[in-house]
Structure formats: structure tokens, C-alpha cells
Amino acid sequence: MRHLSLGFAVLICLAATGGCRRSVSSEKSYDLDPSKLTAVELPPARSIVADFTTKDNTPVTAYLVRAEDATQALSKVNSGLMPGQAAKQVNFLTTIEGSSGSITAPKSEDKIAWTILFTTKTATNLTVKTHPGN
């Protein structure tokens, strides 16, 4: 009976706080390598913006893709395809080249899972900050 009460209390807390929702606002750093495709998963949201910058102004290429397409691109790299070629072979919505930039996922009534694929010609450290879009 005691375990049942504890389980019920946990369920009430989860319902009150919205469950295990991941915040749209975040900041994370990634080490990019020329031989690898780096996938940055964006939290599902109706509108989200991701700002990125490299630590040493090294240019990178960023591709905004649906999560399913990111999985396909990563698979292609694991099969021996170069990261840049793999990213270009999947359906990407937009691409940005530079040492910093901003990508806005399209607004949608449904929460769509987006991923940004990053490639680089020189190893670098990348910081990605996400926040709600307008």
C-alpha cells in the first residue's frame, strides 16, 4: 500500500509539472572532427532557433534536417561516405556556412524533431544555444 501511495504521488507531481518535457532553451558544446558528422538534436518545439559559434572562428557547415534524415546521414558516414557528402545526400531544409550562424526551424502546429548536422574541414569546438522562436 505504501508503494502505491508513493507511485500515485509521483504521478501527481509529473502531471503538475508537465512530465519530462525538455526545455527549448539550452546551451551545449561539441568537439567537431573532419572525419565525423556531428548531429545536434533540437528539442521538439513549435518554433525554435539555434545559434552556433566556433571557439576559434573555424568555418563549419550546418544542415537543418528532420531527425529521420539525420539518422540516415549518420548511417552513410558509418558506411564509409565522407561527412559532407552524406549530409548533402539527405533532404536538408537549409544550410549555413561560417564560424557562426543562426538556424530557425520552420514554425509548425505539430512539434517536429529537427537535427542540425555539422561538418568541418578542421577540428574545432562548437557551441550551440537554442531558444524559442517567435
N, C-alpha and C. Protein backbone atom coordinates (compact mmCIF):
# COMPACT_ATOMS: atom_id res chain seq x y z
N MET A 1 0.81 -1.19 0.00
CA MET A 1 0.00 0.00 0.00
C MET A 1 0.86 1.26 0.00
N ARG A 2 1.97 1.20 0.75
CA ARG A 2 2.86 2.35 0.82
C ARG A 2 3.46 2.67 -0.56
N HIS A 3 3.84 1.61 -1.32
CA HIS A 3 4.41 1.81 -2.66
C HIS A 3 3.37 2.40 -3.61
N LEU A 4 2.14 2.00 -3.44
CA LEU A 4 1.06 2.53 -4.28
C LEU A 4 0.88 4.03 -4.03
N SER A 5 0.94 4.45 -2.76
CA SER A 5 0.80 5.87 -2.43
C SER A 5 1.96 6.68 -3.01
N LEU A 6 3.17 6.13 -2.92
CA LEU A 6 4.35 6.81 -3.45
C LEU A 6 4.25 6.94 -4.97
N GLY A 7 3.82 5.88 -5.62
CA GLY A 7 3.65 5.91 -7.08
C GLY A 7 2.60 6.94 -7.49
N PHE A 8 1.53 7.01 -6.74
CA PHE A 8 0.47 7.98 -7.03
C PHE A 8 0.99 9.41 -6.85
N ALA A 9 1.77 9.63 -5.80
CA ALA A 9 2.34 10.96 -5.55
C ALA A 9 3.27 11.37 -6.68
N VAL A 10 4.07 10.44 -7.18
CA VAL A 10 4.98 10.73 -8.29
C VAL A 10 4.18 11.10 -9.54
N LEU A 11 3.11 10.35 -9.81
CA LEU A 11 2.27 10.65 -10.96
C LEU A 11 1.64 12.04 -10.86
N ILE A 12 1.20 12.41 -9.67
CA ILE A 12 0.60 13.74 -9.47
C ILE A 12 1.64 14.83 -9.73
N CYS A 13 2.87 14.62 -9.23
CA CYS A 13 3.95 15.61 -9.45
C CYS A 13 4.27 15.74 -10.93
N LEU A 14 4.35 14.62 -11.63
CA LEU A 14 4.65 14.66 -13.06
C LEU A 14 3.55 15.38 -13.83
N ALA A 15 2.32 15.13 -13.46
CA ALA A 15 1.21 15.78 -14.14
C ALA A 15 1.23 17.29 -13.87
N ALA A 16 1.57 17.67 -12.65
CA ALA A 16 1.58 19.09 -12.29
C ALA A 16 2.71 19.85 -12.97
N THR A 17 3.85 19.19 -13.20
CA THR A 17 5.00 19.87 -13.79
C THR A 17 5.10 19.66 -15.29
N GLY A 18 4.18 18.94 -15.87
CA GLY A 18 4.21 18.73 -17.32
C GLY A 18 5.03 17.52 -17.73
N GLY A 19 5.38 16.65 -16.81
CA GLY A 19 6.12 15.44 -17.17
C GLY A 19 7.59 15.72 -17.39
N CYS A 20 8.17 15.01 -18.33
CA CYS A 20 9.60 15.10 -18.59
C CYS A 20 9.89 15.96 -19.81
N ARG A 21 9.25 17.08 -19.91
CA ARG A 21 9.49 17.95 -21.06
C ARG A 21 10.90 18.50 -21.02
N ARG A 22 11.52 18.55 -22.16
CA ARG A 22 12.84 19.11 -22.29
C ARG A 22 12.68 20.59 -22.65
N SER A 23 13.41 21.43 -21.97
CA SER A 23 13.33 22.87 -22.23
C SER A 23 13.83 23.18 -23.63
N VAL A 24 13.22 24.17 -24.25
CA VAL A 24 13.64 24.59 -25.59
C VAL A 24 14.96 25.36 -25.49
N SER A 25 15.18 26.07 -24.38
CA SER A 25 16.40 26.85 -24.20
C SER A 25 17.50 25.96 -23.63
N SER A 26 18.63 25.93 -24.33
CA SER A 26 19.76 25.13 -23.86
C SER A 26 21.05 25.66 -24.44
N GLU A 27 22.17 25.19 -23.90
CA GLU A 27 23.49 25.52 -24.42
C GLU A 27 24.38 24.31 -24.22
N LYS A 28 25.07 23.91 -25.31
CA LYS A 28 25.93 22.74 -25.23
C LYS A 28 27.10 22.90 -26.20
N SER A 29 28.25 22.34 -25.82
CA SER A 29 29.43 22.39 -26.68
C SER A 29 29.72 21.02 -27.27
N TYR A 30 30.29 21.03 -28.47
CA TYR A 30 30.61 19.80 -29.20
C TYR A 30 32.01 19.92 -29.80
N ASP A 31 32.75 18.82 -29.79
CA ASP A 31 34.04 18.77 -30.47
C ASP A 31 33.80 18.22 -31.87
N LEU A 32 34.09 19.03 -32.88
CA LEU A 32 33.90 18.62 -34.27
C LEU A 32 35.20 18.09 -34.83
N ASP A 33 35.09 17.05 -35.64
CA ASP A 33 36.23 16.39 -36.26
C ASP A 33 35.94 16.28 -37.74
N PRO A 34 36.93 16.55 -38.61
CA PRO A 34 36.68 16.49 -40.06
C PRO A 34 36.21 15.13 -40.57
N SER A 35 36.53 14.06 -39.87
CA SER A 35 36.16 12.72 -40.33
C SER A 35 34.79 12.27 -39.81
N LYS A 36 34.13 13.13 -39.03
CA LYS A 36 32.85 12.74 -38.43
C LYS A 36 31.77 13.76 -38.75
N LEU A 37 30.55 13.28 -38.74
CA LEU A 37 29.37 14.11 -38.89
C LEU A 37 28.79 14.28 -37.49
N THR A 38 28.65 15.52 -37.05
CA THR A 38 28.13 15.77 -35.70
C THR A 38 26.66 16.14 -35.80
N ALA A 39 25.83 15.41 -35.06
CA ALA A 39 24.38 15.64 -35.07
C ALA A 39 23.97 16.31 -33.76
N VAL A 40 23.33 17.45 -33.86
CA VAL A 40 22.82 18.17 -32.69
C VAL A 40 21.30 18.10 -32.76
N GLU A 41 20.72 17.34 -31.84
CA GLU A 41 19.27 17.17 -31.82
C GLU A 41 18.63 18.37 -31.13
N LEU A 42 17.68 18.98 -31.81
CA LEU A 42 16.93 20.09 -31.22
C LEU A 42 15.72 19.52 -30.51
N PRO A 43 15.34 20.11 -29.37
CA PRO A 43 14.14 19.61 -28.69
C PRO A 43 12.91 19.87 -29.54
N PRO A 44 11.97 18.94 -29.56
CA PRO A 44 10.74 19.17 -30.33
C PRO A 44 10.03 20.44 -29.85
N ALA A 45 9.69 21.29 -30.78
CA ALA A 45 9.03 22.55 -30.43
C ALA A 45 8.25 23.05 -31.64
N ARG A 46 7.30 23.91 -31.39
CA ARG A 46 6.55 24.51 -32.49
C ARG A 46 7.39 25.55 -33.22
N SER A 47 8.34 26.14 -32.50
CA SER A 47 9.23 27.13 -33.08
C SER A 47 10.52 27.16 -32.27
N ILE A 48 11.65 27.04 -32.94
CA ILE A 48 12.93 27.01 -32.23
C ILE A 48 14.03 27.62 -33.10
N VAL A 49 14.96 28.30 -32.44
CA VAL A 49 16.10 28.92 -33.09
C VAL A 49 17.37 28.35 -32.46
N ALA A 50 18.35 28.01 -33.28
CA ALA A 50 19.63 27.53 -32.79
C ALA A 50 20.73 28.46 -33.29
N ASP A 51 21.48 29.04 -32.35
CA ASP A 51 22.62 29.89 -32.68
C ASP A 51 23.88 29.08 -32.43
N PHE A 52 24.83 29.14 -33.36
CA PHE A 52 26.07 28.39 -33.16
C PHE A 52 27.27 29.27 -33.40
N THR A 53 28.36 28.93 -32.74
CA THR A 53 29.62 29.64 -32.92
C THR A 53 30.78 28.69 -32.62
N THR A 54 31.88 28.83 -33.36
CA THR A 54 33.06 28.01 -33.10
C THR A 54 34.00 28.79 -32.19
N LYS A 55 34.76 28.05 -31.42
CA LYS A 55 35.64 28.67 -30.44
C LYS A 55 36.75 29.49 -31.09
N ASP A 56 37.28 29.03 -32.20
CA ASP A 56 38.45 29.66 -32.82
C ASP A 56 38.16 30.21 -34.22
N ASN A 57 36.90 30.57 -34.47
CA ASN A 57 36.46 31.11 -35.77
C ASN A 57 36.69 30.17 -36.95
N THR A 58 36.73 28.88 -36.70
CA THR A 58 36.86 27.88 -37.76
C THR A 58 35.52 27.76 -38.47
N PRO A 59 35.51 27.83 -39.80
CA PRO A 59 34.23 27.69 -40.51
C PRO A 59 33.70 26.25 -40.44
N VAL A 60 32.39 26.16 -40.32
CA VAL A 60 31.70 24.87 -40.33
C VAL A 60 30.54 24.98 -41.31
N THR A 61 29.96 23.85 -41.66
CA THR A 61 28.74 23.84 -42.47
C THR A 61 27.65 23.18 -41.63
N ALA A 62 26.50 23.84 -41.54
CA ALA A 62 25.37 23.35 -40.76
C ALA A 62 24.21 23.04 -41.70
N TYR A 63 23.60 21.88 -41.53
CA TYR A 63 22.45 21.45 -42.33
C TYR A 63 21.28 21.19 -41.38
N LEU A 64 20.15 21.84 -41.60
CA LEU A 64 18.95 21.57 -40.82
C LEU A 64 18.17 20.46 -41.50
N VAL A 65 17.96 19.35 -40.77
CA VAL A 65 17.26 18.19 -41.32
C VAL A 65 16.27 17.65 -40.29
N ARG A 66 15.31 16.88 -40.76
CA ARG A 66 14.42 16.16 -39.83
C ARG A 66 15.25 15.06 -39.15
N ALA A 67 14.83 14.68 -37.97
CA ALA A 67 15.57 13.69 -37.19
C ALA A 67 15.78 12.38 -37.97
N GLU A 68 14.77 11.96 -38.74
CA GLU A 68 14.89 10.71 -39.50
C GLU A 68 16.00 10.81 -40.55
N ASP A 69 16.11 11.98 -41.17
CA ASP A 69 17.14 12.18 -42.19
C ASP A 69 18.53 12.23 -41.58
N ALA A 70 18.64 12.74 -40.36
CA ALA A 70 19.93 12.76 -39.66
C ALA A 70 20.42 11.33 -39.41
N THR A 71 19.51 10.46 -39.01
CA THR A 71 19.87 9.06 -38.78
C THR A 71 20.38 8.44 -40.07
N GLN A 72 19.75 8.74 -41.16
CA GLN A 72 20.16 8.22 -42.47
C GLN A 72 21.56 8.74 -42.84
N ALA A 73 21.82 10.02 -42.62
CA ALA A 73 23.14 10.59 -42.94
C ALA A 73 24.23 9.97 -42.07
N LEU A 74 23.97 9.79 -40.79
CA LEU A 74 24.95 9.18 -39.89
C LEU A 74 25.26 7.75 -40.32
N SER A 75 24.25 7.06 -40.79
CA SER A 75 24.42 5.69 -41.30
C SER A 75 25.34 5.68 -42.51
N LYS A 76 25.17 6.66 -43.38
CA LYS A 76 26.00 6.74 -44.58
C LYS A 76 27.47 6.99 -44.22
N VAL A 77 27.71 7.81 -43.20
CA VAL A 77 29.09 8.06 -42.76
C VAL A 77 29.68 6.78 -42.18
N ASN A 78 28.87 6.05 -41.41
CA ASN A 78 29.34 4.78 -40.84
C ASN A 78 29.65 3.76 -41.93
N SER A 79 29.03 3.92 -43.10
CA SER A 79 29.28 3.01 -44.23
C SER A 79 30.47 3.45 -45.07
N GLY A 80 31.12 4.57 -44.69
CA GLY A 80 32.32 4.99 -45.38
C GLY A 80 32.23 6.25 -46.20
N LEU A 81 31.04 6.85 -46.29
CA LEU A 81 30.88 8.09 -47.05
C LEU A 81 31.45 9.26 -46.24
N MET A 82 32.04 10.23 -46.91
CA MET A 82 32.57 11.41 -46.24
C MET A 82 31.42 12.21 -45.61
N PRO A 83 31.65 12.83 -44.44
CA PRO A 83 30.56 13.55 -43.75
C PRO A 83 29.84 14.59 -44.61
N GLY A 84 30.57 15.40 -45.34
CA GLY A 84 29.94 16.43 -46.18
C GLY A 84 29.07 15.83 -47.26
N GLN A 85 29.53 14.74 -47.86
CA GLN A 85 28.75 14.07 -48.90
C GLN A 85 27.48 13.45 -48.32
N ALA A 86 27.60 12.85 -47.15
CA ALA A 86 26.44 12.21 -46.51
C ALA A 86 25.38 13.26 -46.17
N ALA A 87 25.81 14.41 -45.66
CA ALA A 87 24.86 15.47 -45.29
C ALA A 87 24.14 16.01 -46.52
N LYS A 88 24.85 16.10 -47.63
CA LYS A 88 24.24 16.63 -48.86
C LYS A 88 23.28 15.64 -49.51
N GLN A 89 23.40 14.35 -49.18
CA GLN A 89 22.55 13.33 -49.82
C GLN A 89 21.20 13.16 -49.15
N VAL A 90 21.00 13.77 -47.99
CA VAL A 90 19.68 13.68 -47.34
C VAL A 90 18.92 14.97 -47.60
N ASN A 91 17.63 14.95 -47.33
CA ASN A 91 16.80 16.14 -47.54
C ASN A 91 17.07 17.15 -46.45
N PHE A 92 17.80 18.22 -46.77
CA PHE A 92 18.02 19.26 -45.78
C PHE A 92 17.18 20.48 -46.14
N LEU A 93 16.71 21.16 -45.11
CA LEU A 93 15.84 22.31 -45.31
C LEU A 93 16.65 23.56 -45.63
N THR A 94 17.76 23.71 -44.92
CA THR A 94 18.63 24.86 -45.14
C THR A 94 20.05 24.50 -44.77
N THR A 95 20.99 25.26 -45.28
CA THR A 95 22.40 25.07 -44.94
C THR A 95 23.05 26.43 -44.73
N ILE A 96 23.97 26.49 -43.78
CA ILE A 96 24.70 27.72 -43.48
C ILE A 96 26.17 27.37 -43.34
N GLU A 97 27.03 28.20 -43.93
CA GLU A 97 28.47 28.02 -43.78
C GLU A 97 29.04 29.23 -43.06
N GLY A 98 29.98 28.99 -42.13
CA GLY A 98 30.64 30.08 -41.43
C GLY A 98 31.06 29.66 -40.04
N SER A 99 31.73 30.56 -39.34
CA SER A 99 32.17 30.27 -37.98
C SER A 99 31.08 30.52 -36.95
N SER A 100 30.00 31.16 -37.38
CA SER A 100 28.84 31.35 -36.51
C SER A 100 27.62 31.53 -37.40
N GLY A 101 26.47 31.33 -36.80
CA GLY A 101 25.24 31.48 -37.57
C GLY A 101 24.03 31.18 -36.73
N SER A 102 22.88 31.32 -37.34
CA SER A 102 21.61 31.08 -36.67
C SER A 102 20.69 30.33 -37.62
N ILE A 103 20.09 29.27 -37.12
CA ILE A 103 19.15 28.48 -37.91
C ILE A 103 17.81 28.48 -37.20
N THR A 104 16.77 28.81 -37.95
CA THR A 104 15.42 28.80 -37.40
C THR A 104 14.64 27.66 -38.05
N ALA A 105 14.15 26.76 -37.23
CA ALA A 105 13.32 25.68 -37.75
C ALA A 105 11.96 26.26 -38.12
N PRO A 106 11.32 25.71 -39.16
CA PRO A 106 10.02 26.26 -39.56
C PRO A 106 8.97 26.12 -38.47
N LYS A 107 8.10 27.11 -38.39
CA LYS A 107 7.00 27.05 -37.42
C LYS A 107 6.04 25.96 -37.84
N SER A 108 5.50 25.27 -36.85
CA SER A 108 4.57 24.19 -37.12
C SER A 108 3.62 24.04 -35.94
N GLU A 109 2.40 23.65 -36.23
CA GLU A 109 1.46 23.36 -35.15
C GLU A 109 1.86 22.08 -34.43
N ASP A 110 2.51 21.18 -35.16
CA ASP A 110 3.00 19.94 -34.56
C ASP A 110 4.42 20.17 -34.09
N LYS A 111 4.80 19.49 -33.03
CA LYS A 111 6.17 19.57 -32.56
C LYS A 111 7.00 18.58 -33.37
N ILE A 112 7.83 19.10 -34.26
CA ILE A 112 8.64 18.27 -35.14
C ILE A 112 10.06 18.20 -34.59
N ALA A 113 10.65 17.02 -34.59
CA ALA A 113 12.02 16.86 -34.12
C ALA A 113 12.98 17.19 -35.25
N TRP A 114 13.81 18.21 -35.04
CA TRP A 114 14.80 18.63 -36.02
C TRP A 114 16.19 18.32 -35.49
N THR A 115 17.12 18.16 -36.41
CA THR A 115 18.53 17.93 -36.07
C THR A 115 19.37 18.84 -36.96
N ILE A 116 20.46 19.36 -36.41
CA ILE A 116 21.41 20.11 -37.21
C ILE A 116 22.64 19.22 -37.37
N LEU A 117 23.03 18.97 -38.62
CA LEU A 117 24.24 18.21 -38.91
C LEU A 117 25.37 19.20 -39.16
N PHE A 118 26.50 19.00 -38.51
CA PHE A 118 27.65 19.88 -38.67
C PHE A 118 28.82 19.13 -39.28
N THR A 119 29.47 19.77 -40.26
CA THR A 119 30.71 19.25 -40.83
C THR A 119 31.77 20.34 -40.74
N THR A 120 33.03 19.93 -40.74
CA THR A 120 34.14 20.88 -40.69
C THR A 120 35.33 20.30 -41.42
N LYS A 121 36.20 21.16 -41.89
CA LYS A 121 37.43 20.71 -42.54
C LYS A 121 38.60 20.72 -41.57
N THR A 122 38.43 21.40 -40.42
CA THR A 122 39.45 21.49 -39.39
C THR A 122 38.78 21.23 -38.04
N ALA A 123 39.43 20.46 -37.19
CA ALA A 123 38.87 20.17 -35.87
C ALA A 123 38.64 21.48 -35.10
N THR A 124 37.52 21.54 -34.42
CA THR A 124 37.17 22.75 -33.66
C THR A 124 36.16 22.41 -32.58
N ASN A 125 35.92 23.37 -31.70
CA ASN A 125 34.90 23.24 -30.67
C ASN A 125 33.76 24.17 -31.05
N LEU A 126 32.54 23.67 -30.95
CA LEU A 126 31.35 24.38 -31.36
C LEU A 126 30.38 24.51 -30.18
N THR A 127 29.79 25.68 -30.02
CA THR A 127 28.76 25.87 -29.00
C THR A 127 27.45 26.16 -29.70
N VAL A 128 26.40 25.46 -29.28
CA VAL A 128 25.06 25.65 -29.84
C VAL A 128 24.13 26.08 -28.71
N LYS A 129 23.45 27.21 -28.93
CA LYS A 129 22.46 27.71 -27.97
C LYS A 129 21.10 27.67 -28.65
N THR A 130 20.12 27.09 -27.99
CA THR A 130 18.76 27.06 -28.55
C THR A 130 17.84 27.91 -27.69
N HIS A 131 16.82 28.48 -28.34
CA HIS A 131 15.82 29.26 -27.64
C HIS A 131 14.54 29.26 -28.46
N PRO A 132 13.41 29.58 -27.83
CA PRO A 132 12.15 29.59 -28.59
C PRO A 132 12.18 30.62 -29.70
N GLY A 133 11.58 30.29 -30.81
CA GLY A 133 11.44 31.24 -31.91
C GLY A 133 10.25 32.15 -31.68
N ASN A 134 10.03 33.05 -32.59
CA ASN A 134 8.89 33.98 -32.48
C ASN A 134 7.65 33.38 -33.03
